[in-house]
Structures are given as structure tokens and as C-alpha cells.
Amino acid sequence: MAKKAAFFALLIMTVSASLIGAQETDSKRADIYPKTMAIHRIYPHQLGYKVEYIKSNRTLGVFYAPLEWFRKSAGYGEIVYGQGSHYPYATFYYKDGKISHFRLYLIESYNDVSWGRLRDEDLTDEFSIEELVIEYQ
């Protein structure tokens, strides 16, 4: 009988601890919110990617994403390849009013119309940025 009581006490403590941990995780996630936008065209460059995206007022916006942002696991940027009519698009994750990280969902084939080509331009200044700022309108 004492073994059963101890088992149930341990079970209740384990369940309580996992619920408290889940609440803490949910509150941390609540601080981060995503914003998704369609990509018009993406241009690979030796320094990174030039991305043209569609703003809410249906005009084009542009941002530059240096390759360093994609090089480390759980870095500032991530690329996910896929297929479908909703590709390509980008999701920006905001925390405290700033982009904490983002994902580009791209079509893998460079033959797709969503991929463009840049002329040999010096874009060093455009790719020399520390953080991403997106204009929505």
C-alpha cells in the first residue's frame, strides 16, 4: 500500500513538473510572433541573397541577406526548399519588435521563374548589414 501511495505521489509530481515546464515554454513562444510574405524573386550572389518580396500594398520591397546568416545551425536565417503553388515565401519571427530570425521557403530548382540572376555588381555595401528590417507598406 505504501508503494502505491509513493508511486502516485511521484506520478503527480512528474505530471505537475511537466505542466509547469510546458507553461514556461508556451509563454516564451508567446513572445515570438511570425509574419509571412510572398517572395517575388530571389537573386543568389557570392555574398548572399537579394530578395524581392511583395508588400501589403502590392509593391515590391527588397532586402539583402548575407550568407553568414545561413551558415550556422539555428542562425539568423534558414532556407527550406520545397514545391507548391505557395512557394516561394518568407516568414519573419519577431521578438521585442525586432526580427529574431527568419526562414526563406524556396523552390530548389534554379530554373524556376522565382530565381533571377544578378549582373556582376559590387553589392558589398548592401550585404554589409547586421540585422534585417522589413518594410510592409
N, C-alpha and C. Protein backbone atom coordinates (compact mmCIF):
# COMPACT_ATOMS: atom_id res chain seq x y z
N MET A 1 0.82 -1.19 0.00
CA MET A 1 0.00 0.00 0.00
C MET A 1 0.86 1.26 0.00
N ALA A 2 1.94 1.26 0.77
CA ALA A 2 2.84 2.41 0.82
C ALA A 2 3.53 2.60 -0.52
N LYS A 3 3.80 1.49 -1.22
CA LYS A 3 4.45 1.58 -2.52
C LYS A 3 3.51 2.25 -3.53
N LYS A 4 2.23 1.92 -3.46
CA LYS A 4 1.26 2.54 -4.36
C LYS A 4 1.14 4.03 -4.09
N ALA A 5 1.10 4.41 -2.84
CA ALA A 5 0.99 5.83 -2.48
C ALA A 5 2.22 6.59 -2.95
N ALA A 6 3.39 5.99 -2.77
CA ALA A 6 4.63 6.63 -3.21
C ALA A 6 4.65 6.76 -4.73
N PHE A 7 4.19 5.71 -5.41
CA PHE A 7 4.14 5.74 -6.88
C PHE A 7 3.22 6.85 -7.37
N PHE A 8 2.02 6.96 -6.78
CA PHE A 8 1.08 8.00 -7.20
C PHE A 8 1.60 9.40 -6.85
N ALA A 9 2.26 9.55 -5.74
CA ALA A 9 2.84 10.84 -5.36
C ALA A 9 3.93 11.24 -6.37
N LEU A 10 4.75 10.27 -6.75
CA LEU A 10 5.79 10.53 -7.74
C LEU A 10 5.18 10.86 -9.10
N LEU A 11 4.12 10.14 -9.47
CA LEU A 11 3.43 10.40 -10.72
C LEU A 11 2.84 11.81 -10.75
N ILE A 12 2.21 12.21 -9.67
CA ILE A 12 1.61 13.55 -9.58
C ILE A 12 2.69 14.62 -9.66
N MET A 13 3.82 14.42 -9.00
CA MET A 13 4.91 15.40 -9.05
C MET A 13 5.48 15.50 -10.47
N THR A 14 5.62 14.37 -11.15
CA THR A 14 6.16 14.37 -12.51
C THR A 14 5.22 15.10 -13.47
N VAL A 15 3.94 14.80 -13.37
CA VAL A 15 2.95 15.46 -14.23
C VAL A 15 2.91 16.96 -13.94
N SER A 16 2.94 17.34 -12.68
CA SER A 16 2.93 18.76 -12.32
C SER A 16 4.15 19.49 -12.86
N ALA A 17 5.31 18.86 -12.73
CA ALA A 17 6.54 19.48 -13.23
C ALA A 17 6.50 19.65 -14.74
N SER A 18 5.96 18.65 -15.45
CA SER A 18 5.90 18.76 -16.91
C SER A 18 4.91 19.83 -17.33
N LEU A 19 3.82 19.99 -16.59
CA LEU A 19 2.85 21.04 -16.92
C LEU A 19 3.43 22.43 -16.68
N ILE A 20 4.18 22.58 -15.62
CA ILE A 20 4.82 23.87 -15.33
C ILE A 20 5.84 24.18 -16.42
N GLY A 21 6.62 23.19 -16.83
CA GLY A 21 7.60 23.38 -17.91
C GLY A 21 6.93 23.74 -19.21
N ALA A 22 5.79 23.11 -19.49
CA ALA A 22 5.06 23.42 -20.73
C ALA A 22 4.54 24.84 -20.71
N GLN A 23 4.07 25.31 -19.54
CA GLN A 23 3.58 26.68 -19.45
C GLN A 23 4.71 27.68 -19.67
N GLU A 24 5.90 27.40 -19.13
CA GLU A 24 7.04 28.30 -19.33
C GLU A 24 7.41 28.34 -20.81
N THR A 25 7.42 27.18 -21.49
CA THR A 25 7.75 27.12 -22.90
C THR A 25 6.72 27.89 -23.71
N ASP A 26 5.43 27.72 -23.39
CA ASP A 26 4.38 28.43 -24.11
C ASP A 26 4.50 29.94 -23.92
N SER A 27 4.87 30.39 -22.72
CA SER A 27 4.99 31.83 -22.51
C SER A 27 6.18 32.39 -23.27
N LYS A 28 7.26 31.62 -23.41
CA LYS A 28 8.40 32.07 -24.20
C LYS A 28 8.02 32.14 -25.67
N ARG A 29 7.26 31.19 -26.16
CA ARG A 29 6.82 31.21 -27.56
C ARG A 29 5.85 32.34 -27.82
N ALA A 30 5.07 32.71 -26.82
CA ALA A 30 4.10 33.78 -27.00
C ALA A 30 4.79 35.11 -27.24
N ASP A 31 6.05 35.24 -26.83
CA ASP A 31 6.80 36.47 -27.05
C ASP A 31 7.27 36.59 -28.50
N ILE A 32 7.24 35.50 -29.25
CA ILE A 32 7.69 35.49 -30.64
C ILE A 32 6.46 35.34 -31.54
N TYR A 33 6.36 36.22 -32.53
CA TYR A 33 5.24 36.08 -33.47
C TYR A 33 5.77 36.12 -34.91
N PRO A 34 5.16 35.33 -35.80
CA PRO A 34 5.62 35.27 -37.19
C PRO A 34 4.85 36.23 -38.10
N LYS A 35 5.50 36.63 -39.15
CA LYS A 35 4.89 37.43 -40.22
C LYS A 35 5.37 36.83 -41.53
N THR A 36 4.44 36.45 -42.41
CA THR A 36 4.78 35.77 -43.65
C THR A 36 4.48 36.66 -44.85
N MET A 37 5.39 36.64 -45.82
CA MET A 37 5.22 37.44 -47.03
C MET A 37 5.65 36.63 -48.25
N ALA A 38 5.00 36.89 -49.36
CA ALA A 38 5.35 36.21 -50.62
C ALA A 38 6.64 36.80 -51.18
N ILE A 39 7.45 35.94 -51.76
CA ILE A 39 8.66 36.38 -52.44
C ILE A 39 8.37 36.45 -53.93
N HIS A 40 8.76 37.56 -54.52
CA HIS A 40 8.59 37.74 -55.96
C HIS A 40 9.74 37.06 -56.71
N ARG A 41 10.96 37.38 -56.31
CA ARG A 41 12.13 36.80 -56.98
C ARG A 41 13.31 36.85 -56.01
N ILE A 42 14.17 35.85 -56.13
CA ILE A 42 15.37 35.79 -55.30
C ILE A 42 16.59 35.70 -56.21
N TYR A 43 17.61 36.46 -55.86
CA TYR A 43 18.83 36.54 -56.68
C TYR A 43 20.02 36.05 -55.86
N PRO A 44 20.59 34.91 -56.21
CA PRO A 44 21.80 34.48 -55.50
C PRO A 44 23.00 35.34 -55.90
N HIS A 45 23.87 35.56 -54.95
CA HIS A 45 25.07 36.35 -55.16
C HIS A 45 26.17 35.72 -54.34
N GLN A 46 27.41 35.97 -54.67
CA GLN A 46 28.52 35.37 -53.93
C GLN A 46 28.54 35.82 -52.47
N LEU A 47 27.89 36.94 -52.15
CA LEU A 47 27.85 37.44 -50.78
C LEU A 47 26.56 37.07 -50.04
N GLY A 48 25.55 36.60 -50.76
CA GLY A 48 24.28 36.26 -50.12
C GLY A 48 23.13 36.22 -51.11
N TYR A 49 21.97 36.66 -50.66
CA TYR A 49 20.77 36.65 -51.49
C TYR A 49 20.12 38.03 -51.49
N LYS A 50 19.78 38.49 -52.67
CA LYS A 50 18.93 39.67 -52.81
C LYS A 50 17.52 39.13 -52.97
N VAL A 51 16.61 39.60 -52.14
CA VAL A 51 15.24 39.07 -52.14
C VAL A 51 14.26 40.20 -52.42
N GLU A 52 13.45 40.01 -53.45
CA GLU A 52 12.35 40.93 -53.74
C GLU A 52 11.07 40.28 -53.19
N TYR A 53 10.38 40.99 -52.35
CA TYR A 53 9.16 40.46 -51.74
C TYR A 53 8.00 41.41 -52.02
N ILE A 54 6.80 40.89 -51.86
CA ILE A 54 5.59 41.66 -52.15
C ILE A 54 5.05 42.26 -50.85
N LYS A 55 4.99 43.59 -50.81
CA LYS A 55 4.48 44.29 -49.64
C LYS A 55 2.95 44.21 -49.60
N SER A 56 2.37 44.64 -48.50
CA SER A 56 0.92 44.59 -48.36
C SER A 56 0.21 45.52 -49.34
N ASN A 57 0.89 46.57 -49.82
CA ASN A 57 0.27 47.47 -50.79
C ASN A 57 0.56 47.04 -52.23
N ARG A 58 1.04 45.81 -52.39
CA ARG A 58 1.31 45.16 -53.68
C ARG A 58 2.47 45.80 -54.47
N THR A 59 3.35 46.47 -53.77
CA THR A 59 4.58 46.96 -54.39
C THR A 59 5.73 46.03 -53.95
N LEU A 60 6.85 46.17 -54.61
CA LEU A 60 7.99 45.31 -54.28
C LEU A 60 8.90 45.97 -53.25
N GLY A 61 9.30 45.17 -52.31
CA GLY A 61 10.33 45.56 -51.36
C GLY A 61 11.55 44.71 -51.61
N VAL A 62 12.69 45.14 -51.12
CA VAL A 62 13.94 44.41 -51.33
C VAL A 62 14.68 44.33 -50.01
N PHE A 63 15.25 43.16 -49.74
CA PHE A 63 16.21 43.06 -48.64
C PHE A 63 17.36 42.18 -49.08
N TYR A 64 18.48 42.36 -48.41
CA TYR A 64 19.69 41.60 -48.69
C TYR A 64 19.99 40.74 -47.48
N ALA A 65 20.31 39.47 -47.73
CA ALA A 65 20.60 38.52 -46.67
C ALA A 65 21.99 37.94 -46.88
N PRO A 66 22.97 38.36 -46.09
CA PRO A 66 24.33 37.85 -46.23
C PRO A 66 24.42 36.35 -45.95
N LEU A 67 25.33 35.68 -46.63
CA LEU A 67 25.50 34.23 -46.46
C LEU A 67 25.81 33.84 -45.02
N GLU A 68 26.50 34.69 -44.27
CA GLU A 68 26.84 34.36 -42.88
C GLU A 68 25.60 34.07 -42.04
N TRP A 69 24.48 34.68 -42.38
CA TRP A 69 23.26 34.47 -41.63
C TRP A 69 22.74 33.05 -41.76
N PHE A 70 23.14 32.33 -42.79
CA PHE A 70 22.64 30.98 -43.05
C PHE A 70 23.65 29.89 -42.70
N ARG A 71 24.84 30.24 -42.32
CA ARG A 71 25.92 29.26 -42.18
C ARG A 71 25.87 28.43 -40.92
N LYS A 72 25.35 28.91 -39.85
CA LYS A 72 25.35 28.13 -38.62
C LYS A 72 23.96 27.61 -38.29
N SER A 73 23.95 26.49 -37.62
CA SER A 73 22.67 25.90 -37.21
C SER A 73 21.98 26.84 -36.24
N ALA A 74 20.68 26.99 -36.40
CA ALA A 74 19.88 27.91 -35.59
C ALA A 74 20.41 29.33 -35.69
N GLY A 75 20.86 29.70 -36.89
CA GLY A 75 21.37 31.05 -37.12
C GLY A 75 20.24 32.04 -37.34
N TYR A 76 20.61 33.19 -37.81
CA TYR A 76 19.65 34.27 -38.04
C TYR A 76 18.71 33.94 -39.19
N GLY A 77 19.23 33.26 -40.23
CA GLY A 77 18.42 32.89 -41.38
C GLY A 77 18.50 31.40 -41.67
N GLU A 78 17.47 30.91 -42.34
CA GLU A 78 17.40 29.49 -42.71
C GLU A 78 16.69 29.39 -44.05
N ILE A 79 17.13 28.43 -44.86
CA ILE A 79 16.48 28.19 -46.14
C ILE A 79 15.85 26.80 -46.11
N VAL A 80 14.59 26.74 -46.51
CA VAL A 80 13.85 25.48 -46.60
C VAL A 80 13.39 25.35 -48.05
N TYR A 81 13.77 24.25 -48.69
CA TYR A 81 13.37 24.03 -50.08
C TYR A 81 12.12 23.18 -50.15
N GLY A 82 11.26 23.49 -51.11
CA GLY A 82 10.04 22.74 -51.28
C GLY A 82 9.39 23.05 -52.62
N GLN A 83 8.22 22.51 -52.81
CA GLN A 83 7.45 22.70 -54.04
C GLN A 83 6.03 23.12 -53.67
N GLY A 84 5.34 23.70 -54.61
CA GLY A 84 3.93 24.03 -54.39
C GLY A 84 3.62 25.43 -54.86
N SER A 85 2.34 25.70 -54.99
CA SER A 85 1.91 26.99 -55.52
C SER A 85 2.17 28.13 -54.53
N HIS A 86 2.35 27.82 -53.26
CA HIS A 86 2.58 28.87 -52.28
C HIS A 86 4.06 29.25 -52.17
N TYR A 87 4.94 28.49 -52.81
CA TYR A 87 6.38 28.81 -52.83
C TYR A 87 6.66 29.83 -53.90
N PRO A 88 7.61 30.70 -53.75
CA PRO A 88 8.46 30.97 -52.60
C PRO A 88 7.81 31.99 -51.66
N TYR A 89 8.18 31.91 -50.39
CA TYR A 89 7.71 32.88 -49.41
C TYR A 89 8.72 32.95 -48.27
N ALA A 90 8.54 33.92 -47.41
CA ALA A 90 9.44 34.11 -46.27
C ALA A 90 8.61 34.31 -45.02
N THR A 91 9.11 33.80 -43.91
CA THR A 91 8.48 34.03 -42.62
C THR A 91 9.51 34.68 -41.71
N PHE A 92 9.13 35.80 -41.13
CA PHE A 92 9.98 36.55 -40.23
C PHE A 92 9.43 36.38 -38.81
N TYR A 93 10.29 36.04 -37.88
CA TYR A 93 9.88 35.82 -36.50
C TYR A 93 10.35 37.00 -35.65
N TYR A 94 9.38 37.69 -35.05
CA TYR A 94 9.66 38.90 -34.29
C TYR A 94 9.66 38.62 -32.79
N LYS A 95 10.61 39.25 -32.12
CA LYS A 95 10.66 39.22 -30.67
C LYS A 95 11.07 40.61 -30.21
N ASP A 96 10.29 41.19 -29.32
CA ASP A 96 10.55 42.54 -28.81
C ASP A 96 10.64 43.57 -29.93
N GLY A 97 9.81 43.41 -30.97
CA GLY A 97 9.74 44.38 -32.04
C GLY A 97 10.82 44.27 -33.10
N LYS A 98 11.72 43.30 -32.98
CA LYS A 98 12.79 43.11 -33.96
C LYS A 98 12.74 41.68 -34.48
N ILE A 99 13.29 41.48 -35.67
CA ILE A 99 13.34 40.13 -36.24
C ILE A 99 14.39 39.33 -35.48
N SER A 100 13.96 38.23 -34.86
CA SER A 100 14.91 37.37 -34.15
C SER A 100 15.54 36.35 -35.09
N HIS A 101 14.77 35.91 -36.09
CA HIS A 101 15.27 35.00 -37.12
C HIS A 101 14.22 34.93 -38.24
N PHE A 102 14.62 34.34 -39.37
CA PHE A 102 13.69 34.24 -40.49
C PHE A 102 13.99 32.99 -41.30
N ARG A 103 12.99 32.58 -42.08
CA ARG A 103 13.14 31.44 -42.98
C ARG A 103 12.69 31.83 -44.38
N LEU A 104 13.48 31.41 -45.35
CA LEU A 104 13.11 31.56 -46.75
C LEU A 104 12.67 30.20 -47.25
N TYR A 105 11.46 30.11 -47.75
CA TYR A 105 10.93 28.88 -48.31
C TYR A 105 11.02 29.01 -49.83
N LEU A 106 11.97 28.29 -50.42
CA LEU A 106 12.32 28.48 -51.82
C LEU A 106 12.16 27.21 -52.63
N ILE A 107 11.98 27.40 -53.92
CA ILE A 107 11.97 26.27 -54.86
C ILE A 107 13.42 25.95 -55.18
N GLU A 108 13.77 24.67 -55.09
CA GLU A 108 15.17 24.27 -55.19
C GLU A 108 15.76 24.48 -56.58
N SER A 109 14.97 24.31 -57.61
CA SER A 109 15.47 24.41 -58.98
C SER A 109 15.73 25.86 -59.37
N TYR A 110 16.96 26.16 -59.76
CA TYR A 110 17.29 27.50 -60.23
C TYR A 110 16.63 27.81 -61.58
N ASN A 111 16.05 26.82 -62.22
CA ASN A 111 15.34 27.05 -63.47
C ASN A 111 13.94 27.64 -63.26
N ASP A 112 13.49 27.65 -62.01
CA ASP A 112 12.17 28.21 -61.71
C ASP A 112 12.19 29.72 -61.92
N VAL A 113 11.05 30.27 -62.33
CA VAL A 113 10.93 31.70 -62.61
C VAL A 113 11.19 32.56 -61.36
N SER A 114 11.09 31.99 -60.18
CA SER A 114 11.31 32.75 -58.95
C SER A 114 12.79 33.08 -58.72
N TRP A 115 13.69 32.40 -59.44
CA TRP A 115 15.12 32.68 -59.33
C TRP A 115 15.54 33.64 -60.42
N GLY A 116 16.29 34.66 -60.05
CA GLY A 116 16.81 35.61 -61.02
C GLY A 116 18.34 35.55 -61.04
N ARG A 117 18.90 36.39 -61.89
CA ARG A 117 20.37 36.48 -61.99
C ARG A 117 20.79 37.93 -61.84
N LEU A 118 21.83 38.12 -61.07
CA LEU A 118 22.39 39.46 -60.91
C LEU A 118 23.59 39.61 -61.83
N ARG A 119 23.71 40.78 -62.37
CA ARG A 119 24.92 41.08 -63.14
C ARG A 119 26.07 41.18 -62.14
N ASP A 120 27.27 41.16 -62.64
CA ASP A 120 28.43 41.31 -61.77
C ASP A 120 28.48 42.73 -61.22
N GLU A 121 27.79 42.91 -60.11
CA GLU A 121 27.72 44.20 -59.47
C GLU A 121 28.45 44.14 -58.14
N ASP A 122 28.97 45.26 -57.70
CA ASP A 122 29.57 45.33 -56.37
C ASP A 122 28.46 45.65 -55.37
N LEU A 123 28.04 44.65 -54.63
CA LEU A 123 26.96 44.80 -53.65
C LEU A 123 27.48 44.67 -52.22
N THR A 124 28.75 44.96 -52.04
CA THR A 124 29.37 44.83 -50.71
C THR A 124 28.63 45.64 -49.67
N ASP A 125 28.28 46.87 -49.98
CA ASP A 125 27.58 47.72 -49.02
C ASP A 125 26.20 47.16 -48.67
N GLU A 126 25.49 46.65 -49.66
CA GLU A 126 24.15 46.12 -49.42
C GLU A 126 24.18 44.88 -48.51
N PHE A 127 25.22 44.07 -48.63
CA PHE A 127 25.32 42.85 -47.82
C PHE A 127 26.05 43.09 -46.50
N SER A 128 26.55 44.29 -46.27
CA SER A 128 27.24 44.61 -45.01
C SER A 128 26.25 45.14 -44.00
N ILE A 129 25.33 44.29 -43.58
CA ILE A 129 24.30 44.69 -42.61
C ILE A 129 24.31 43.74 -41.43
N GLU A 130 23.86 44.23 -40.29
CA GLU A 130 23.85 43.44 -39.06
C GLU A 130 22.48 42.80 -38.78
N GLU A 131 21.41 43.53 -39.12
CA GLU A 131 20.09 43.00 -38.85
C GLU A 131 19.15 43.33 -39.99
N LEU A 132 18.09 42.56 -40.08
CA LEU A 132 17.12 42.67 -41.15
C LEU A 132 15.97 43.57 -40.70
N VAL A 133 15.59 44.51 -41.55
CA VAL A 133 14.43 45.37 -41.31
C VAL A 133 13.55 45.26 -42.56
N ILE A 134 12.30 44.89 -42.35
CA ILE A 134 11.36 44.68 -43.45
C ILE A 134 10.32 45.80 -43.46
N GLU A 135 10.07 46.35 -44.64
CA GLU A 135 9.01 47.33 -44.83
C GLU A 135 7.77 46.58 -45.31
N TYR A 136 6.66 46.78 -44.66
CA TYR A 136 5.45 46.07 -45.01
C TYR A 136 4.50 46.86 -45.90
N GLN A 137 4.68 48.17 -45.96
CA GLN A 137 3.82 49.00 -46.80
C GLN A 137 4.64 49.98 -47.60
